[in-house]
Amino acid sequence: MNDTIRPGTSHPNRPAWIVRYTAKERVSHWIVAMAFVLAGLSGLALFHPALFWLSNFFGGGPWTRIIHPWVGLLMVVAFAYYGSGKARENRMEPRDWQWLRQIRDVMSNREERLPEVGRYNAGQKLVFYAAVLCLLALLLTGIVIWRAWFSQYFPLTLIRWSALIHALCAFVLICTIIIHIYAAIWVKGSIRAMTRGTVTPGWVWKHHRAWFRELMTQNAASSRPRSD
């Protein structure tokens, strides 16, 4: 029996639940999420005087400046751990480009018109790529403008450009995560996948049909008796 599939009690040959995310994936995901919130709030407090009141959540301006880069570093490390095994599953395929071309059907919830989707749809893959690029840029520019440790080694022009790029990438990442959260709420059952780790076979069949077929094929192959 495939470890991703949990058989039902009344019908052992029928899956009751399908494991979408393991415990390690869920823990690392929520570490990224919490670090993102903390880094976002502290970063906004440092970005503009009108938002400086957010520093009260971190004990004032000096503590906000100290905490922000370390929380950002934690976010990058946790995401690297979470996403390191997902590069192959997030590769764009021809069906993903077709999915994007039919974005009106996606927004209208006409999934029967869409090409069959693997473990992740094109929208989820774009979120993944946006997170990778933005976090990489935030890490590199963050090192340049991290005054306590590194900024004295870089010219002023590079520090200024890095501060600008850092802010732009943070804005793009915040918008991307807002879309990600909205999509998770919009698609019923997605929140459960990241809190409990499992989804129903019906959910997988409706939203990720190609992945469902792949799982069933793997499960049938693993259930076949071995001939010695």
C-alpha atoms as a PDB file:
ATOM      1  CA  MET A   1       0.000   0.000   0.000  1.00  0.00           C
ATOM      2  CA  ASN A   2       1.301   3.443  -0.955  1.00  0.00           C
ATOM      3  CA  ASP A   3       2.190   5.474   2.161  1.00  0.00           C
ATOM      4  CA  THR A   4       0.409   8.458   0.628  1.00  0.00           C
ATOM      5  CA  ILE A   5      -2.906   6.597   0.654  1.00  0.00           C
ATOM      6  CA  ARG A   6      -4.753   5.651   3.818  1.00  0.00           C
ATOM      7  CA  PRO A   7      -7.365   2.919   3.243  1.00  0.00           C
ATOM      8  CA  GLY A   8     -10.866   3.198   4.661  1.00  0.00           C
ATOM      9  CA  THR A   9     -12.093   0.948   7.446  1.00  0.00           C
ATOM     10  CA  SER A  10     -15.315  -0.193   5.789  1.00  0.00           C
ATOM     11  CA  HIS A  11     -13.706  -0.559   2.359  1.00  0.00           C
ATOM     12  CA  PRO A  12     -10.000  -1.390   2.813  1.00  0.00           C
ATOM     13  CA  ASN A  13      -9.364  -1.230  -0.925  1.00  0.00           C
ATOM     14  CA  ARG A  14     -10.750   2.292  -1.183  1.00  0.00           C
ATOM     15  CA  PRO A  15      -8.703   5.248   0.061  1.00  0.00           C
ATOM     16  CA  ALA A  16     -10.331   7.219   2.891  1.00  0.00           C
ATOM     17  CA  TRP A  17      -7.665   9.909   3.004  1.00  0.00           C
ATOM     18  CA  ILE A  18      -4.741  10.945   0.848  1.00  0.00           C
ATOM     19  CA  VAL A  19      -1.661  12.437   2.479  1.00  0.00           C
ATOM     20  CA  ARG A  20      -0.855  15.716   0.752  1.00  0.00           C
ATOM     21  CA  TYR A  21       1.717  17.066   3.204  1.00  0.00           C
ATOM     22  CA  THR A  22       3.821  15.204   5.730  1.00  0.00           C
ATOM     23  CA  ALA A  23       4.324  16.412   9.302  1.00  0.00           C
ATOM     24  CA  LYS A  24       7.789  17.774   8.436  1.00  0.00           C
ATOM     25  CA  GLU A  25       6.388  19.701   5.474  1.00  0.00           C
ATOM     26  CA  ARG A  26       3.618  21.194   7.574  1.00  0.00           C
ATOM     27  CA  VAL A  27       5.937  22.230  10.395  1.00  0.00           C
ATOM     28  CA  SER A  28       8.408  23.887   8.024  1.00  0.00           C
ATOM     29  CA  HIS A  29       5.541  25.590   6.164  1.00  0.00           C
ATOM     30  CA  TRP A  30       4.146  27.125   9.347  1.00  0.00           C
ATOM     31  CA  ILE A  31       7.607  28.219  10.475  1.00  0.00           C
ATOM     32  CA  VAL A  32       7.915  30.025   7.136  1.00  0.00           C
ATOM     33  CA  ALA A  33       4.442  31.530   7.606  1.00  0.00           C
ATOM     34  CA  MET A  34       5.147  32.811  11.130  1.00  0.00           C
ATOM     35  CA  ALA A  35       8.550  34.151  10.120  1.00  0.00           C
ATOM     36  CA  PHE A  36       6.943  35.877   7.120  1.00  0.00           C
ATOM     37  CA  VAL A  37       4.438  37.676   9.351  1.00  0.00           C
ATOM     38  CA  LEU A  38       7.135  38.801  11.787  1.00  0.00           C
ATOM     39  CA  ALA A  39       9.541  39.835   9.036  1.00  0.00           C
ATOM     40  CA  GLY A  40       6.759  41.625   7.169  1.00  0.00           C
ATOM     41  CA  LEU A  41       5.542  43.627  10.162  1.00  0.00           C
ATOM     42  CA  SER A  42       9.030  44.533  11.341  1.00  0.00           C
ATOM     43  CA  GLY A  43      10.074  45.402   7.796  1.00  0.00           C
ATOM     44  CA  LEU A  44       7.081  47.688   7.311  1.00  0.00           C
ATOM     45  CA  ALA A  45       7.913  49.407  10.612  1.00  0.00           C
ATOM     46  CA  LEU A  46      11.392  50.177   9.268  1.00  0.00           C
ATOM     47  CA  PHE A  47      10.186  51.059   5.779  1.00  0.00           C
ATOM     48  CA  HIS A  48       8.224  54.274   6.471  1.00  0.00           C
ATOM     49  CA  PRO A  49       7.690  56.573   9.476  1.00  0.00           C
ATOM     50  CA  ALA A  50       3.909  56.258   9.088  1.00  0.00           C
ATOM     51  CA  LEU A  51       4.251  52.534   9.872  1.00  0.00           C
ATOM     52  CA  PHE A  52       6.795  52.889  12.652  1.00  0.00           C
ATOM     53  CA  TRP A  53       4.071  52.211  15.240  1.00  0.00           C
ATOM     54  CA  LEU A  54       4.353  48.541  14.250  1.00  0.00           C
ATOM     55  CA  SER A  55       7.697  48.491  16.061  1.00  0.00           C
ATOM     56  CA  ASN A  56       5.724  48.479  19.333  1.00  0.00           C
ATOM     57  CA  PHE A  57       5.040  44.776  18.706  1.00  0.00           C
ATOM     58  CA  PHE A  58       8.794  44.126  18.834  1.00  0.00           C
ATOM     59  CA  GLY A  59       9.764  46.281  21.810  1.00  0.00           C
ATOM     60  CA  GLY A  60      10.578  49.514  19.973  1.00  0.00           C
ATOM     61  CA  GLY A  61      12.778  50.683  17.117  1.00  0.00           C
ATOM     62  CA  PRO A  62      16.165  49.275  18.194  1.00  0.00           C
ATOM     63  CA  TRP A  63      14.741  45.821  18.877  1.00  0.00           C
ATOM     64  CA  THR A  64      12.842  45.884  15.588  1.00  0.00           C
ATOM     65  CA  ARG A  65      16.070  46.614  13.729  1.00  0.00           C
ATOM     66  CA  ILE A  66      17.812  43.768  15.561  1.00  0.00           C
ATOM     67  CA  ILE A  67      15.013  41.206  15.162  1.00  0.00           C
ATOM     68  CA  HIS A  68      14.081  41.847  11.512  1.00  0.00           C
ATOM     69  CA  PRO A  69      17.165  40.392   9.758  1.00  0.00           C
ATOM     70  CA  TRP A  70      17.305  37.328  11.997  1.00  0.00           C
ATOM     71  CA  VAL A  71      13.638  36.534  11.406  1.00  0.00           C
ATOM     72  CA  GLY A  72      14.191  37.039   7.689  1.00  0.00           C
ATOM     73  CA  LEU A  73      17.111  34.638   7.781  1.00  0.00           C
ATOM     74  CA  LEU A  74      14.954  32.073   9.600  1.00  0.00           C
ATOM     75  CA  MET A  75      12.301  32.426   6.879  1.00  0.00           C
ATOM     76  CA  VAL A  76      14.838  31.818   4.110  1.00  0.00           C
ATOM     77  CA  VAL A  77      16.328  28.765   5.822  1.00  0.00           C
ATOM     78  CA  ALA A  78      12.904  27.248   6.606  1.00  0.00           C
ATOM     79  CA  PHE A  79      11.703  27.807   3.046  1.00  0.00           C
ATOM     80  CA  ALA A  80      14.887  26.293   1.643  1.00  0.00           C
ATOM     81  CA  TYR A  81      14.203  23.173   3.717  1.00  0.00           C
ATOM     82  CA  TYR A  82      10.525  23.115   2.707  1.00  0.00           C
ATOM     83  CA  GLY A  83      11.082  23.747  -0.988  1.00  0.00           C
ATOM     84  CA  SER A  84      14.248  21.721  -1.528  1.00  0.00           C
ATOM     85  CA  GLY A  85      12.298  18.562  -2.385  1.00  0.00           C
ATOM     86  CA  LYS A  86       9.611  20.273  -4.440  1.00  0.00           C
ATOM     87  CA  ALA A  87      11.542  21.625  -7.407  1.00  0.00           C
ATOM     88  CA  ARG A  88      10.704  18.652  -9.636  1.00  0.00           C
ATOM     89  CA  GLU A  89       6.979  18.774  -8.804  1.00  0.00           C
ATOM     90  CA  ASN A  90       6.883  22.501  -9.559  1.00  0.00           C
ATOM     91  CA  ARG A  91       8.338  22.327 -13.058  1.00  0.00           C
ATOM     92  CA  MET A  92       6.086  23.985 -15.601  1.00  0.00           C
ATOM     93  CA  GLU A  93       4.565  21.606 -18.162  1.00  0.00           C
ATOM     94  CA  PRO A  94       2.514  22.202 -21.338  1.00  0.00           C
ATOM     95  CA  ARG A  95      -0.723  21.547 -19.417  1.00  0.00           C
ATOM     96  CA  ASP A  96       0.255  24.290 -16.952  1.00  0.00           C
ATOM     97  CA  TRP A  97       0.579  26.877 -19.721  1.00  0.00           C
ATOM     98  CA  GLN A  98      -2.803  25.767 -21.035  1.00  0.00           C
ATOM     99  CA  TRP A  99      -4.211  26.147 -17.499  1.00  0.00           C
ATOM    100  CA  LEU A 100      -2.961  29.728 -17.429  1.00  0.00           C
ATOM    101  CA  ARG A 101      -4.455  30.467 -20.849  1.00  0.00           C
ATOM    102  CA  GLN A 102      -7.816  29.353 -19.447  1.00  0.00           C
ATOM    103  CA  ILE A 103      -7.577  31.565 -16.387  1.00  0.00           C
ATOM    104  CA  ARG A 104     -11.181  32.730 -16.911  1.00  0.00           C
ATOM    105  CA  ASP A 105     -12.360  29.148 -16.438  1.00  0.00           C
ATOM    106  CA  VAL A 106     -10.193  28.930 -13.319  1.00  0.00           C
ATOM    107  CA  MET A 107     -11.738  32.080 -11.830  1.00  0.00           C
ATOM    108  CA  SER A 108     -15.230  30.901 -12.767  1.00  0.00           C
ATOM    109  CA  ASN A 109     -14.618  27.503 -11.126  1.00  0.00           C
ATOM    110  CA  ARG A 110     -15.237  25.642 -14.401  1.00  0.00           C
ATOM    111  CA  GLU A 111     -12.647  22.973 -13.647  1.00  0.00           C
ATOM    112  CA  GLU A 112     -14.215  20.459 -16.013  1.00  0.00           C
ATOM    113  CA  ARG A 113     -12.905  22.568 -18.910  1.00  0.00           C
ATOM    114  CA  LEU A 114      -9.342  22.693 -17.613  1.00  0.00           C
ATOM    115  CA  PRO A 115      -6.532  20.256 -18.379  1.00  0.00           C
ATOM    116  CA  GLU A 116      -5.891  17.679 -15.680  1.00  0.00           C
ATOM    117  CA  VAL A 117      -3.633  19.048 -12.967  1.00  0.00           C
ATOM    118  CA  GLY A 118      -0.750  17.293 -11.214  1.00  0.00           C
ATOM    119  CA  ARG A 119       0.127  17.707  -7.557  1.00  0.00           C
ATOM    120  CA  TYR A 120       0.375  21.484  -8.043  1.00  0.00           C
ATOM    121  CA  ASN A 121      -1.444  23.662 -10.540  1.00  0.00           C
ATOM    122  CA  ALA A 122       0.188  26.451 -12.530  1.00  0.00           C
ATOM    123  CA  GLY A 123      -0.868  29.107 -10.038  1.00  0.00           C
ATOM    124  CA  GLN A 124       0.769  27.242  -7.164  1.00  0.00           C
ATOM    125  CA  LYS A 125       3.910  26.747  -9.224  1.00  0.00           C
ATOM    126  CA  LEU A 126       4.135  30.469  -9.992  1.00  0.00           C
ATOM    127  CA  VAL A 127       3.773  31.224  -6.277  1.00  0.00           C
ATOM    128  CA  PHE A 128       6.645  28.814  -5.623  1.00  0.00           C
ATOM    129  CA  TYR A 129       8.892  30.470  -8.221  1.00  0.00           C
ATOM    130  CA  ALA A 130       7.988  33.957  -7.004  1.00  0.00           C
ATOM    131  CA  ALA A 131       8.854  32.952  -3.440  1.00  0.00           C
ATOM    132  CA  VAL A 132      12.185  31.442  -4.518  1.00  0.00           C
ATOM    133  CA  LEU A 133      13.233  34.513  -6.520  1.00  0.00           C
ATOM    134  CA  CYS A 134      12.008  37.056  -3.973  1.00  0.00           C
ATOM    135  CA  LEU A 135      13.575  35.286  -1.001  1.00  0.00           C
ATOM    136  CA  LEU A 136      16.882  34.919  -2.837  1.00  0.00           C
ATOM    137  CA  ALA A 137      16.866  38.630  -3.696  1.00  0.00           C
ATOM    138  CA  LEU A 138      15.829  39.546  -0.144  1.00  0.00           C
ATOM    139  CA  LEU A 139      18.656  37.444   1.276  1.00  0.00           C
ATOM    140  CA  LEU A 140      21.337  38.971  -0.950  1.00  0.00           C
ATOM    141  CA  THR A 141      20.173  42.567  -0.585  1.00  0.00           C
ATOM    142  CA  GLY A 142      19.507  42.032   3.107  1.00  0.00           C
ATOM    143  CA  ILE A 143      23.141  41.060   3.643  1.00  0.00           C
ATOM    144  CA  VAL A 144      24.284  44.247   1.914  1.00  0.00           C
ATOM    145  CA  ILE A 145      22.093  46.528   4.077  1.00  0.00           C
ATOM    146  CA  TRP A 146      22.622  44.600   7.351  1.00  0.00           C
ATOM    147  CA  ARG A 147      24.522  47.414   9.053  1.00  0.00           C
ATOM    148  CA  ALA A 148      25.498  45.547  12.197  1.00  0.00           C
ATOM    149  CA  TRP A 149      27.550  43.024  10.245  1.00  0.00           C
ATOM    150  CA  PHE A 150      28.102  43.674   6.566  1.00  0.00           C
ATOM    151  CA  SER A 151      27.171  47.120   5.227  1.00  0.00           C
ATOM    152  CA  GLN A 152      30.606  48.597   6.047  1.00  0.00           C
ATOM    153  CA  TYR A 153      32.083  46.296   3.392  1.00  0.00           C
ATOM    154  CA  PHE A 154      29.935  47.655   0.531  1.00  0.00           C
ATOM    155  CA  PRO A 155      29.907  51.013  -1.296  1.00  0.00           C
ATOM    156  CA  LEU A 156      27.112  53.443  -0.515  1.00  0.00           C
ATOM    157  CA  THR A 157      25.627  53.247  -4.030  1.00  0.00           C
ATOM    158  CA  LEU A 158      25.245  49.472  -3.751  1.00  0.00           C
ATOM    159  CA  ILE A 159      23.653  49.821  -0.318  1.00  0.00           C
ATOM    160  CA  ARG A 160      21.097  52.305  -1.660  1.00  0.00           C
ATOM    161  CA  TRP A 161      20.221  50.111  -4.647  1.00  0.00           C
ATOM    162  CA  SER A 162      20.000  47.073  -2.380  1.00  0.00           C
ATOM    163  CA  ALA A 163      17.601  48.891  -0.041  1.00  0.00           C
ATOM    164  CA  LEU A 164      15.373  49.763  -3.013  1.00  0.00           C
ATOM    165  CA  ILE A 165      15.430  46.228  -4.450  1.00  0.00           C
ATOM    166  CA  HIS A 166      14.834  44.799  -0.971  1.00  0.00           C
ATOM    167  CA  ALA A 167      11.693  46.893  -0.573  1.00  0.00           C
ATOM    168  CA  LEU A 168      10.401  46.031  -4.072  1.00  0.00           C
ATOM    169  CA  CYS A 169      10.938  42.289  -3.568  1.00  0.00           C
ATOM    170  CA  ALA A 170       9.249  42.462  -0.167  1.00  0.00           C
ATOM    171  CA  PHE A 171       6.244  44.167  -1.801  1.00  0.00           C
ATOM    172  CA  VAL A 172       6.042  41.483  -4.513  1.00  0.00           C
ATOM    173  CA  LEU A 173       6.352  38.705  -1.926  1.00  0.00           C
ATOM    174  CA  ILE A 174       3.637  40.211   0.294  1.00  0.00           C
ATOM    175  CA  CYS A 175       1.257  40.467  -2.688  1.00  0.00           C
ATOM    176  CA  THR A 176       2.106  36.884  -3.696  1.00  0.00           C
ATOM    177  CA  ILE A 177       1.409  35.529  -0.206  1.00  0.00           C
ATOM    178  CA  ILE A 178      -1.899  37.437  -0.023  1.00  0.00           C
ATOM    179  CA  ILE A 179      -2.953  35.725  -3.270  1.00  0.00           C
ATOM    180  CA  HIS A 180      -1.715  32.396  -1.892  1.00  0.00           C
ATOM    181  CA  ILE A 181      -3.800  32.794   1.279  1.00  0.00           C
ATOM    182  CA  TYR A 182      -6.878  33.863  -0.683  1.00  0.00           C
ATOM    183  CA  ALA A 183      -6.588  30.826  -2.983  1.00  0.00           C
ATOM    184  CA  ALA A 184      -6.196  28.496   0.008  1.00  0.00           C
ATOM    185  CA  ILE A 185      -9.391  29.871   1.545  1.00  0.00           C
ATOM    186  CA  TRP A 186     -11.215  29.905  -1.785  1.00  0.00           C
ATOM    187  CA  VAL A 187     -10.502  26.231  -2.566  1.00  0.00           C
ATOM    188  CA  LYS A 188     -12.338  24.404   0.203  1.00  0.00           C
ATOM    189  CA  GLY A 189     -10.218  21.685   1.791  1.00  0.00           C
ATOM    190  CA  SER A 190      -6.849  23.353   1.154  1.00  0.00           C
ATOM    191  CA  ILE A 191      -6.507  24.634   4.727  1.00  0.00           C
ATOM    192  CA  ARG A 192      -7.067  21.135   6.086  1.00  0.00           C
ATOM    193  CA  ALA A 193      -4.262  19.862   3.853  1.00  0.00           C
ATOM    194  CA  MET A 194      -1.762  22.144   5.585  1.00  0.00           C
ATOM    195  CA  THR A 195      -3.140  21.709   9.109  1.00  0.00           C
ATOM    196  CA  ARG A 196      -3.885  17.976   9.194  1.00  0.00           C
ATOM    197  CA  GLY A 197      -1.923  16.865   6.162  1.00  0.00           C
ATOM    198  CA  THR A 198      -4.701  14.884   4.480  1.00  0.00           C
ATOM    199  CA  VAL A 199      -7.387  15.472   1.861  1.00  0.00           C
ATOM    200  CA  THR A 200     -10.244  13.342   0.583  1.00  0.00           C
ATOM    201  CA  PRO A 201      -9.959  11.353  -2.660  1.00  0.00           C
ATOM    202  CA  GLY A 202     -12.835  13.458  -4.004  1.00  0.00           C
ATOM    203  CA  TRP A 203     -10.882  16.644  -3.363  1.00  0.00           C
ATOM    204  CA  VAL A 204      -7.851  15.287  -5.204  1.00  0.00           C
ATOM    205  CA  TRP A 205     -10.007  14.041  -8.091  1.00  0.00           C
ATOM    206  CA  LYS A 206     -11.678  17.438  -8.463  1.00  0.00           C
ATOM    207  CA  HIS A 207      -8.632  19.685  -8.166  1.00  0.00           C
ATOM    208  CA  HIS A 208      -5.591  17.528  -9.032  1.00  0.00           C
ATOM    209  CA  ARG A 209      -6.879  14.741 -11.249  1.00  0.00           C
ATOM    210  CA  ALA A 210      -3.558  13.857 -12.898  1.00  0.00           C
ATOM    211  CA  TRP A 211      -1.984  13.459  -9.457  1.00  0.00           C
ATOM    212  CA  PHE A 212      -4.914  11.239  -8.403  1.00  0.00           C
ATOM    213  CA  ARG A 213      -4.361   8.963 -11.409  1.00  0.00           C
ATOM    214  CA  GLU A 214      -0.649   8.809 -10.612  1.00  0.00           C
ATOM    215  CA  LEU A 215      -1.315   7.850  -6.986  1.00  0.00           C
ATOM    216  CA  MET A 216      -3.805   5.157  -7.957  1.00  0.00           C
ATOM    217  CA  THR A 217      -1.344   3.703 -10.478  1.00  0.00           C
ATOM    218  CA  GLN A 218       1.417   3.624  -7.855  1.00  0.00           C
ATOM    219  CA  ASN A 219      -0.946   2.107  -5.311  1.00  0.00           C
ATOM    220  CA  ALA A 220      -2.051  -0.640  -7.705  1.00  0.00           C
ATOM    221  CA  ALA A 221       1.564  -1.450  -8.523  1.00  0.00           C
ATOM    222  CA  SER A 222       2.582  -1.640  -4.827  1.00  0.00           C
ATOM    223  CA  SER A 223      -0.460  -3.812  -3.987  1.00  0.00           C
ATOM    224  CA  ARG A 224       0.351  -6.386  -6.655  1.00  0.00           C
ATOM    225  CA  PRO A 225       1.625  -9.666  -5.204  1.00  0.00           C
ATOM    226  CA  ARG A 226       5.303 -10.232  -5.840  1.00  0.00           C
ATOM    227  CA  SER A 227       6.353 -13.347  -7.723  1.00  0.00           C
ATOM    228  CA  ASP A 228       9.655 -14.739  -6.447  1.00  0.00           C
END
